[in-house]
């Protein structure tokens, strides 16, 4: 499992485990699975989906993957209902 953190300037929106994450990178959609290589990317605008969990609309920020930990720090986010 991936350990996922989603943080905005207002609050920590999500912290937990998930099998996958799909994020809107600045140049297209990015999928993250267990065992993904370490990376950092700039986020664009779109829907961040935490596999088996919530989804968020995000605008800007960055995503980091290291040792099956995914950290999303976004400038603006809202939960998708």
PDB file of N, CA and C in Angstrom:
ATOM      1  N   UNK A   1       0.832  -1.198   0.000  1.00  0.00           N
ATOM      2  CA  UNK A   1       0.000   0.000   0.000  1.00  0.00           C
ATOM      3  C   UNK A   1       0.870   1.253   0.000  1.00  0.00           C
ATOM      4  N   UNK A   2       0.308   2.326  -0.522  1.00  0.00           N
ATOM      5  CA  UNK A   2       0.937   3.642  -0.471  1.00  0.00           C
ATOM      6  C   UNK A   2       0.421   4.371   0.762  1.00  0.00           C
ATOM      7  N   UNK A   3       1.280   5.136   1.400  1.00  0.00           N
ATOM      8  CA  UNK A   3       0.814   6.029   2.463  1.00  0.00           C
ATOM      9  C   UNK A   3       0.674   7.410   1.825  1.00  0.00           C
ATOM     10  N   UNK A   4      -0.534   7.961   1.862  1.00  0.00           N
ATOM     11  CA  UNK A   4      -0.854   9.183   1.120  1.00  0.00           C
ATOM     12  C   UNK A   4      -1.204  10.319   2.087  1.00  0.00           C
ATOM     13  N   UNK A   5      -0.621  11.498   1.836  1.00  0.00           N
ATOM     14  CA  UNK A   5      -0.962  12.720   2.567  1.00  0.00           C
ATOM     15  C   UNK A   5      -1.353  13.781   1.546  1.00  0.00           C
ATOM     16  N   UNK A   6      -2.491  14.429   1.769  1.00  0.00           N
ATOM     17  CA  UNK A   6      -2.944  15.525   0.911  1.00  0.00           C
ATOM     18  C   UNK A   6      -3.087  16.751   1.814  1.00  0.00           C
ATOM     19  N   UNK A   7      -2.300  17.790   1.509  1.00  0.00           N
ATOM     20  CA  UNK A   7      -2.231  18.968   2.372  1.00  0.00           C
ATOM     21  C   UNK A   7      -2.470  20.229   1.548  1.00  0.00           C
ATOM     22  N   UNK A   8      -3.315  21.114   2.071  1.00  0.00           N
ATOM     23  CA  UNK A   8      -3.524  22.433   1.469  1.00  0.00           C
ATOM     24  C   UNK A   8      -3.134  23.469   2.519  1.00  0.00           C
ATOM     25  N   UNK A   9      -3.082  24.740   2.147  1.00  0.00           N
ATOM     26  CA  UNK A   9      -2.736  25.766   3.141  1.00  0.00           C
ATOM     27  C   UNK A   9      -3.733  25.819   4.310  1.00  0.00           C
ATOM     28  N   UNK A  10      -4.972  25.399   4.061  1.00  0.00           N
ATOM     29  CA  UNK A  10      -6.002  25.471   5.097  1.00  0.00           C
ATOM     30  C   UNK A  10      -5.964  24.300   6.070  1.00  0.00           C
ATOM     31  N   UNK A  11      -5.646  23.081   5.564  1.00  0.00           N
ATOM     32  CA  UNK A  11      -5.759  21.901   6.426  1.00  0.00           C
ATOM     33  C   UNK A  11      -5.130  20.675   5.778  1.00  0.00           C
ATOM     34  N   UNK A  12      -4.928  19.644   6.593  1.00  0.00           N
ATOM     35  CA  UNK A  12      -4.572  18.335   6.063  1.00  0.00           C
ATOM     36  C   UNK A  12      -5.887  17.685   5.647  1.00  0.00           C
ATOM     37  N   UNK A  13      -6.042  17.418   4.359  1.00  0.00           N
ATOM     38  CA  UNK A  13      -7.305  16.920   3.832  1.00  0.00           C
ATOM     39  C   UNK A  13      -7.434  15.405   3.895  1.00  0.00           C
ATOM     40  N   UNK A  14      -6.305  14.714   3.817  1.00  0.00           N
ATOM     41  CA  UNK A  14      -6.342  13.250   3.860  1.00  0.00           C
ATOM     42  C   UNK A  14      -5.005  12.721   4.329  1.00  0.00           C
ATOM     43  N   UNK A  15      -5.057  11.677   5.136  1.00  0.00           N
ATOM     44  CA  UNK A  15      -3.855  10.952   5.546  1.00  0.00           C
ATOM     45  C   UNK A  15      -4.291   9.509   5.722  1.00  0.00           C
ATOM     46  N   UNK A  16      -3.688   8.611   4.933  1.00  0.00           N
ATOM     47  CA  UNK A  16      -4.059   7.210   5.048  1.00  0.00           C
ATOM     48  C   UNK A  16      -3.401   6.378   3.968  1.00  0.00           C
ATOM     49  N   UNK A  17      -3.798   5.113   3.904  1.00  0.00           N
ATOM     50  CA  UNK A  17      -3.224   4.179   2.947  1.00  0.00           C
ATOM     51  C   UNK A  17      -4.160   3.978   1.771  1.00  0.00           C
ATOM     52  N   UNK A  18      -3.560   3.749   0.594  1.00  0.00           N
ATOM     53  CA  UNK A  18      -4.329   3.528  -0.623  1.00  0.00           C
ATOM     54  C   UNK A  18      -3.500   2.674  -1.587  1.00  0.00           C
ATOM     55  N   UNK A  19      -4.164   1.923  -2.463  1.00  0.00           N
ATOM     56  CA  UNK A  19      -3.439   1.103  -3.427  1.00  0.00           C
ATOM     57  C   UNK A  19      -2.874   1.908  -4.600  1.00  0.00           C
ATOM     58  N   UNK A  20      -3.454   3.100  -4.852  1.00  0.00           N
ATOM     59  CA  UNK A  20      -3.006   3.911  -5.990  1.00  0.00           C
ATOM     60  C   UNK A  20      -3.393   5.369  -5.793  1.00  0.00           C
ATOM     61  N   UNK A  21      -2.762   6.228  -6.592  1.00  0.00           N
ATOM     62  CA  UNK A  21      -3.092   7.657  -6.632  1.00  0.00           C
ATOM     63  C   UNK A  21      -3.027   8.080  -8.092  1.00  0.00           C
ATOM     64  N   UNK A  22      -4.015   8.861  -8.529  1.00  0.00           N
ATOM     65  CA  UNK A  22      -3.999   9.457  -9.863  1.00  0.00           C
ATOM     66  C   UNK A  22      -4.052  10.960  -9.670  1.00  0.00           C
ATOM     67  N   UNK A  23      -3.098  11.665 -10.286  1.00  0.00           N
ATOM     68  CA  UNK A  23      -2.976  13.105 -10.049  1.00  0.00           C
ATOM     69  C   UNK A  23      -2.846  13.871 -11.357  1.00  0.00           C
ATOM     70  N   UNK A  24      -3.328  15.131 -11.368  1.00  0.00           N
ATOM     71  CA  UNK A  24      -3.169  15.984 -12.545  1.00  0.00           C
ATOM     72  C   UNK A  24      -1.815  16.698 -12.522  1.00  0.00           C
ATOM     73  N   UNK A  25      -0.826  16.123 -13.174  1.00  0.00           N
ATOM     74  CA  UNK A  25       0.480  16.789 -13.271  1.00  0.00           C
ATOM     75  C   UNK A  25       0.354  17.960 -14.239  1.00  0.00           C
ATOM     76  N   UNK A  26       1.352  18.812 -14.283  1.00  0.00           N
ATOM     77  CA  UNK A  26       1.305  19.998 -15.141  1.00  0.00           C
ATOM     78  C   UNK A  26       1.229  19.636 -16.620  1.00  0.00           C
ATOM     79  N   UNK A  27       1.679  18.427 -16.984  1.00  0.00           N
ATOM     80  CA  UNK A  27       1.718  18.042 -18.402  1.00  0.00           C
ATOM     81  C   UNK A  27       0.872  16.808 -18.714  1.00  0.00           C
ATOM     82  N   UNK A  28      -0.069  16.458 -17.846  1.00  0.00           N
ATOM     83  CA  UNK A  28      -0.949  15.317 -18.082  1.00  0.00           C
ATOM     84  C   UNK A  28      -1.201  14.537 -16.804  1.00  0.00           C
ATOM     85  N   UNK A  29      -2.051  13.523 -16.905  1.00  0.00           N
ATOM     86  CA  UNK A  29      -2.411  12.739 -15.733  1.00  0.00           C
ATOM     87  C   UNK A  29      -1.296  11.758 -15.381  1.00  0.00           C
ATOM     88  N   UNK A  30      -1.086  11.569 -14.092  1.00  0.00           N
ATOM     89  CA  UNK A  30      -0.008  10.728 -13.576  1.00  0.00           C
ATOM     90  C   UNK A  30      -0.601   9.673 -12.656  1.00  0.00           C
ATOM     91  N   UNK A  31      -0.211   8.414 -12.862  1.00  0.00           N
ATOM     92  CA  UNK A  31      -0.664   7.328 -12.011  1.00  0.00           C
ATOM     93  C   UNK A  31       0.483   6.821 -11.150  1.00  0.00           C
ATOM     94  N   UNK A  32       0.206   6.585  -9.876  1.00  0.00           N
ATOM     95  CA  UNK A  32       1.214   6.104  -8.931  1.00  0.00           C
ATOM     96  C   UNK A  32       0.718   4.793  -8.333  1.00  0.00           C
ATOM     97  N   UNK A  33       1.561   3.764  -8.381  1.00  0.00           N
ATOM     98  CA  UNK A  33       1.276   2.478  -7.757  1.00  0.00           C
ATOM     99  C   UNK A  33       2.394   2.139  -6.779  1.00  0.00           C
ATOM    100  N   UNK A  34       2.186   1.121  -5.964  1.00  0.00           N
ATOM    101  CA  UNK A  34       3.209   0.663  -5.022  1.00  0.00           C
ATOM    102  C   UNK A  34       4.485   0.333  -5.794  1.00  0.00           C
ATOM    103  N   UNK A  35       5.620   0.758  -5.258  1.00  0.00           N
ATOM    104  CA  UNK A  35       6.910   0.501  -5.898  1.00  0.00           C
ATOM    105  C   UNK A  35       7.322   1.550  -6.920  1.00  0.00           C
ATOM    106  N   UNK A  36       6.560   2.639  -7.040  1.00  0.00           N
ATOM    107  CA  UNK A  36       6.892   3.700  -8.003  1.00  0.00           C
ATOM    108  C   UNK A  36       8.260   4.295  -7.667  1.00  0.00           C
ATOM    109  N   UNK A  37       9.000   4.648  -8.699  1.00  0.00           N
ATOM    110  CA  UNK A  37      10.310   5.282  -8.514  1.00  0.00           C
ATOM    111  C   UNK A  37      10.153   6.629  -7.807  1.00  0.00           C
ATOM    112  N   UNK A  38      11.153   7.033  -7.029  1.00  0.00           N
ATOM    113  CA  UNK A  38      11.096   8.353  -6.389  1.00  0.00           C
ATOM    114  C   UNK A  38      10.972   9.458  -7.436  1.00  0.00           C
ATOM    115  N   UNK A  39      10.148  10.440  -7.132  1.00  0.00           N
ATOM    116  CA  UNK A  39       9.967  11.565  -8.067  1.00  0.00           C
ATOM    117  C   UNK A  39       9.296  12.734  -7.376  1.00  0.00           C
ATOM    118  N   UNK A  40       9.428  13.892  -8.016  1.00  0.00           N
ATOM    119  CA  UNK A  40       8.709  15.102  -7.627  1.00  0.00           C
ATOM    120  C   UNK A  40       8.177  15.705  -8.917  1.00  0.00           C
ATOM    121  N   UNK A  41       6.913  16.130  -8.901  1.00  0.00           N
ATOM    122  CA  UNK A  41       6.347  16.780 -10.080  1.00  0.00           C
ATOM    123  C   UNK A  41       5.473  17.952  -9.657  1.00  0.00           C
ATOM    124  N   UNK A  42       5.315  18.893 -10.548  1.00  0.00           N
ATOM    125  CA  UNK A  42       4.436  20.050 -10.336  1.00  0.00           C
ATOM    126  C   UNK A  42       3.030  19.647 -10.736  1.00  0.00           C
ATOM    127  N   UNK A  43       2.054  20.015  -9.908  1.00  0.00           N
ATOM    128  CA  UNK A  43       0.661  19.711 -10.208  1.00  0.00           C
ATOM    129  C   UNK A  43       0.034  20.793 -11.071  1.00  0.00           C
ATOM    130  N   UNK A  44      -0.919  20.369 -11.880  1.00  0.00           N
ATOM    131  CA  UNK A  44      -1.725  21.301 -12.656  1.00  0.00           C
ATOM    132  C   UNK A  44      -3.078  21.454 -11.974  1.00  0.00           C
ATOM    133  N   UNK A  45      -4.122  21.596 -12.774  1.00  0.00           N
ATOM    134  CA  UNK A  45      -5.485  21.703 -12.272  1.00  0.00           C
ATOM    135  C   UNK A  45      -6.263  20.478 -12.724  1.00  0.00           C
ATOM    136  N   UNK A  46      -6.999  19.875 -11.803  1.00  0.00           N
ATOM    137  CA  UNK A  46      -7.783  18.699 -12.149  1.00  0.00           C
ATOM    138  C   UNK A  46      -8.183  17.930 -10.907  1.00  0.00           C
ATOM    139  N   UNK A  47      -8.473  16.631 -11.108  1.00  0.00           N
ATOM    140  CA  UNK A  47      -8.948  15.790 -10.019  1.00  0.00           C
ATOM    141  C   UNK A  47      -7.851  14.858  -9.529  1.00  0.00           C
ATOM    142  N   UNK A  48      -7.603  14.897  -8.240  1.00  0.00           N
ATOM    143  CA  UNK A  48      -6.682  13.989  -7.572  1.00  0.00           C
ATOM    144  C   UNK A  48      -7.537  12.863  -7.007  1.00  0.00           C
ATOM    145  N   UNK A  49      -7.247  11.623  -7.423  1.00  0.00           N
ATOM    146  CA  UNK A  49      -8.019  10.476  -6.964  1.00  0.00           C
ATOM    147  C   UNK A  49      -7.135   9.561  -6.120  1.00  0.00           C
ATOM    148  N   UNK A  50      -7.576   9.318  -4.901  1.00  0.00           N
ATOM    149  CA  UNK A  50      -6.895   8.393  -4.002  1.00  0.00           C
ATOM    150  C   UNK A  50      -7.636   7.070  -4.140  1.00  0.00           C
ATOM    151  N   UNK A  51      -6.993   6.053  -4.736  1.00  0.00           N
ATOM    152  CA  UNK A  51      -7.649   4.773  -4.992  1.00  0.00           C
ATOM    153  C   UNK A  51      -8.284   4.201  -3.738  1.00  0.00           C
ATOM    154  N   UNK A  52      -9.577   3.884  -3.810  1.00  0.00           N
ATOM    155  CA  UNK A  52     -10.272   3.350  -2.650  1.00  0.00           C
ATOM    156  C   UNK A  52     -10.619   4.400  -1.611  1.00  0.00           C
ATOM    157  N   UNK A  53     -10.410   5.664  -1.931  1.00  0.00           N
ATOM    158  CA  UNK A  53     -10.676   6.737  -0.973  1.00  0.00           C
ATOM    159  C   UNK A  53     -11.290   7.938  -1.651  1.00  0.00           C
ATOM    160  N   UNK A  54     -11.072   9.107  -1.093  1.00  0.00           N
ATOM    161  CA  UNK A  54     -11.701  10.324  -1.605  1.00  0.00           C
ATOM    162  C   UNK A  54     -11.023  10.868  -2.863  1.00  0.00           C
ATOM    163  N   UNK A  55     -11.706  11.800  -3.494  1.00  0.00           N
ATOM    164  CA  UNK A  55     -11.160  12.555  -4.623  1.00  0.00           C
ATOM    165  C   UNK A  55     -11.212  14.032  -4.283  1.00  0.00           C
ATOM    166  N   UNK A  56     -10.274  14.782  -4.859  1.00  0.00           N
ATOM    167  CA  UNK A  56     -10.177  16.216  -4.597  1.00  0.00           C
ATOM    168  C   UNK A  56      -9.937  16.952  -5.901  1.00  0.00           C
ATOM    169  N   UNK A  57     -10.523  18.142  -6.031  1.00  0.00           N
ATOM    170  CA  UNK A  57     -10.166  19.042  -7.114  1.00  0.00           C
ATOM    171  C   UNK A  57      -8.984  19.858  -6.609  1.00  0.00           C
ATOM    172  N   UNK A  58      -7.887  19.851  -7.361  1.00  0.00           N
ATOM    173  CA  UNK A  58      -6.685  20.566  -6.928  1.00  0.00           C
ATOM    174  C   UNK A  58      -6.253  21.571  -7.987  1.00  0.00           C
ATOM    175  N   UNK A  59      -5.581  22.611  -7.525  1.00  0.00           N
ATOM    176  CA  UNK A  59      -5.027  23.641  -8.404  1.00  0.00           C
ATOM    177  C   UNK A  59      -3.618  23.959  -7.946  1.00  0.00           C
ATOM    178  N   UNK A  60      -2.625  23.517  -8.726  1.00  0.00           N
ATOM    179  CA  UNK A  60      -1.235  23.828  -8.435  1.00  0.00           C
ATOM    180  C   UNK A  60      -0.691  23.088  -7.233  1.00  0.00           C
ATOM    181  N   UNK A  61       0.608  23.260  -7.017  1.00  0.00           N
ATOM    182  CA  UNK A  61       1.297  22.602  -5.924  1.00  0.00           C
ATOM    183  C   UNK A  61       2.287  21.582  -6.463  1.00  0.00           C
ATOM    184  N   UNK A  62       2.602  20.577  -5.637  1.00  0.00           N
ATOM    185  CA  UNK A  62       3.519  19.533  -6.097  1.00  0.00           C
ATOM    186  C   UNK A  62       3.168  18.201  -5.470  1.00  0.00           C
ATOM    187  N   UNK A  63       3.698  17.139  -6.064  1.00  0.00           N
ATOM    188  CA  UNK A  63       3.517  15.781  -5.585  1.00  0.00           C
ATOM    189  C   UNK A  63       4.887  15.144  -5.467  1.00  0.00           C
ATOM    190  N   UNK A  64       5.133  14.450  -4.352  1.00  0.00           N
ATOM    191  CA  UNK A  64       6.406  13.770  -4.121  1.00  0.00           C
ATOM    192  C   UNK A  64       6.119  12.307  -3.823  1.00  0.00           C
ATOM    193  N   UNK A  65       6.919  11.423  -4.434  1.00  0.00           N
ATOM    194  CA  UNK A  65       6.846   9.990  -4.154  1.00  0.00           C
ATOM    195  C   UNK A  65       8.221   9.543  -3.664  1.00  0.00           C
ATOM    196  N   UNK A  66       8.265   8.928  -2.465  1.00  0.00           N
ATOM    197  CA  UNK A  66       9.503   8.369  -1.911  1.00  0.00           C
ATOM    198  C   UNK A  66       9.123   7.172  -1.044  1.00  0.00           C
ATOM    199  N   UNK A  67       9.686   6.016  -1.325  1.00  0.00           N
ATOM    200  CA  UNK A  67       9.483   4.816  -0.493  1.00  0.00           C
ATOM    201  C   UNK A  67       8.006   4.534  -0.199  1.00  0.00           C
ATOM    202  N   UNK A  68       7.189   4.507  -1.248  1.00  0.00           N
ATOM    203  CA  UNK A  68       5.747   4.231  -1.144  1.00  0.00           C
ATOM    204  C   UNK A  68       4.992   5.239  -0.285  1.00  0.00           C
ATOM    205  N   UNK A  69       5.560   6.429  -0.140  1.00  0.00           N
ATOM    206  CA  UNK A  69       4.858   7.531   0.512  1.00  0.00           C
ATOM    207  C   UNK A  69       4.601   8.603  -0.537  1.00  0.00           C
ATOM    208  N   UNK A  70       3.349   9.024  -0.645  1.00  0.00           N
ATOM    209  CA  UNK A  70       2.956  10.052  -1.608  1.00  0.00           C
ATOM    210  C   UNK A  70       2.513  11.272  -0.822  1.00  0.00           C
ATOM    211  N   UNK A  71       3.190  12.388  -1.050  1.00  0.00           N
ATOM    212  CA  UNK A  71       2.826  13.649  -0.400  1.00  0.00           C
ATOM    213  C   UNK A  71       2.342  14.615  -1.477  1.00  0.00           C
ATOM    214  N   UNK A  72       1.141  15.104  -1.287  1.00  0.00           N
ATOM    215  CA  UNK A  72       0.574  16.089  -2.201  1.00  0.00           C
ATOM    216  C   UNK A  72       0.409  17.379  -1.416  1.00  0.00           C
ATOM    217  N   UNK A  73       1.085  18.420  -1.863  1.00  0.00           N
ATOM    218  CA  UNK A  73       0.944  19.742  -1.249  1.00  0.00           C
ATOM    219  C   UNK A  73       0.384  20.637  -2.336  1.00  0.00           C
ATOM    220  N   UNK A  74      -0.836  21.099  -2.145  1.00  0.00           N
ATOM    221  CA  UNK A  74      -1.517  21.859  -3.174  1.00  0.00           C
ATOM    222  C   UNK A  74      -1.870  23.261  -2.711  1.00  0.00           C
ATOM    223  N   UNK A  75      -1.916  24.175  -3.648  1.00  0.00           N
ATOM    224  CA  UNK A  75      -2.241  25.566  -3.335  1.00  0.00           C
ATOM    225  C   UNK A  75      -3.722  25.729  -3.004  1.00  0.00           C
ATOM    226  N   UNK A  76      -4.571  24.896  -3.645  1.00  0.00           N
ATOM    227  CA  UNK A  76      -6.014  24.988  -3.450  1.00  0.00           C
ATOM    228  C   UNK A  76      -6.609  23.623  -3.689  1.00  0.00           C
ATOM    229  N   UNK A  77      -7.494  23.176  -2.786  1.00  0.00           N
ATOM    230  CA  UNK A  77      -8.123  21.869  -2.937  1.00  0.00           C
ATOM    231  C   UNK A  77      -9.529  21.876  -2.333  1.00  0.00           C
ATOM    232  N   UNK A  78     -10.389  21.045  -2.918  1.00  0.00           N
ATOM    233  CA  UNK A  78     -11.738  20.864  -2.391  1.00  0.00           C
ATOM    234  C   UNK A  78     -12.135  19.417  -2.625  1.00  0.00           C
ATOM    235  N   UNK A  79     -12.817  18.833  -1.657  1.00  0.00           N
ATOM    236  CA  UNK A  79     -13.274  17.457  -1.789  1.00  0.00           C
ATOM    237  C   UNK A  79     -14.352  17.366  -2.873  1.00  0.00           C
ATOM    238  N   UNK A  80     -14.273  16.315  -3.685  1.00  0.00           N
ATOM    239  CA  UNK A  80     -15.295  16.057  -4.699  1.00  0.00           C
ATOM    240  C   UNK A  80     -16.363  15.198  -4.062  1.00  0.00           C
ATOM    241  N   UNK A  81     -17.607  15.610  -4.200  1.00  0.00           N
ATOM    242  CA  UNK A  81     -18.708  14.867  -3.573  1.00  0.00           C
ATOM    243  C   UNK A  81     -19.400  13.988  -4.568  1.00  0.00           C
TER     244      UNK A  81
END
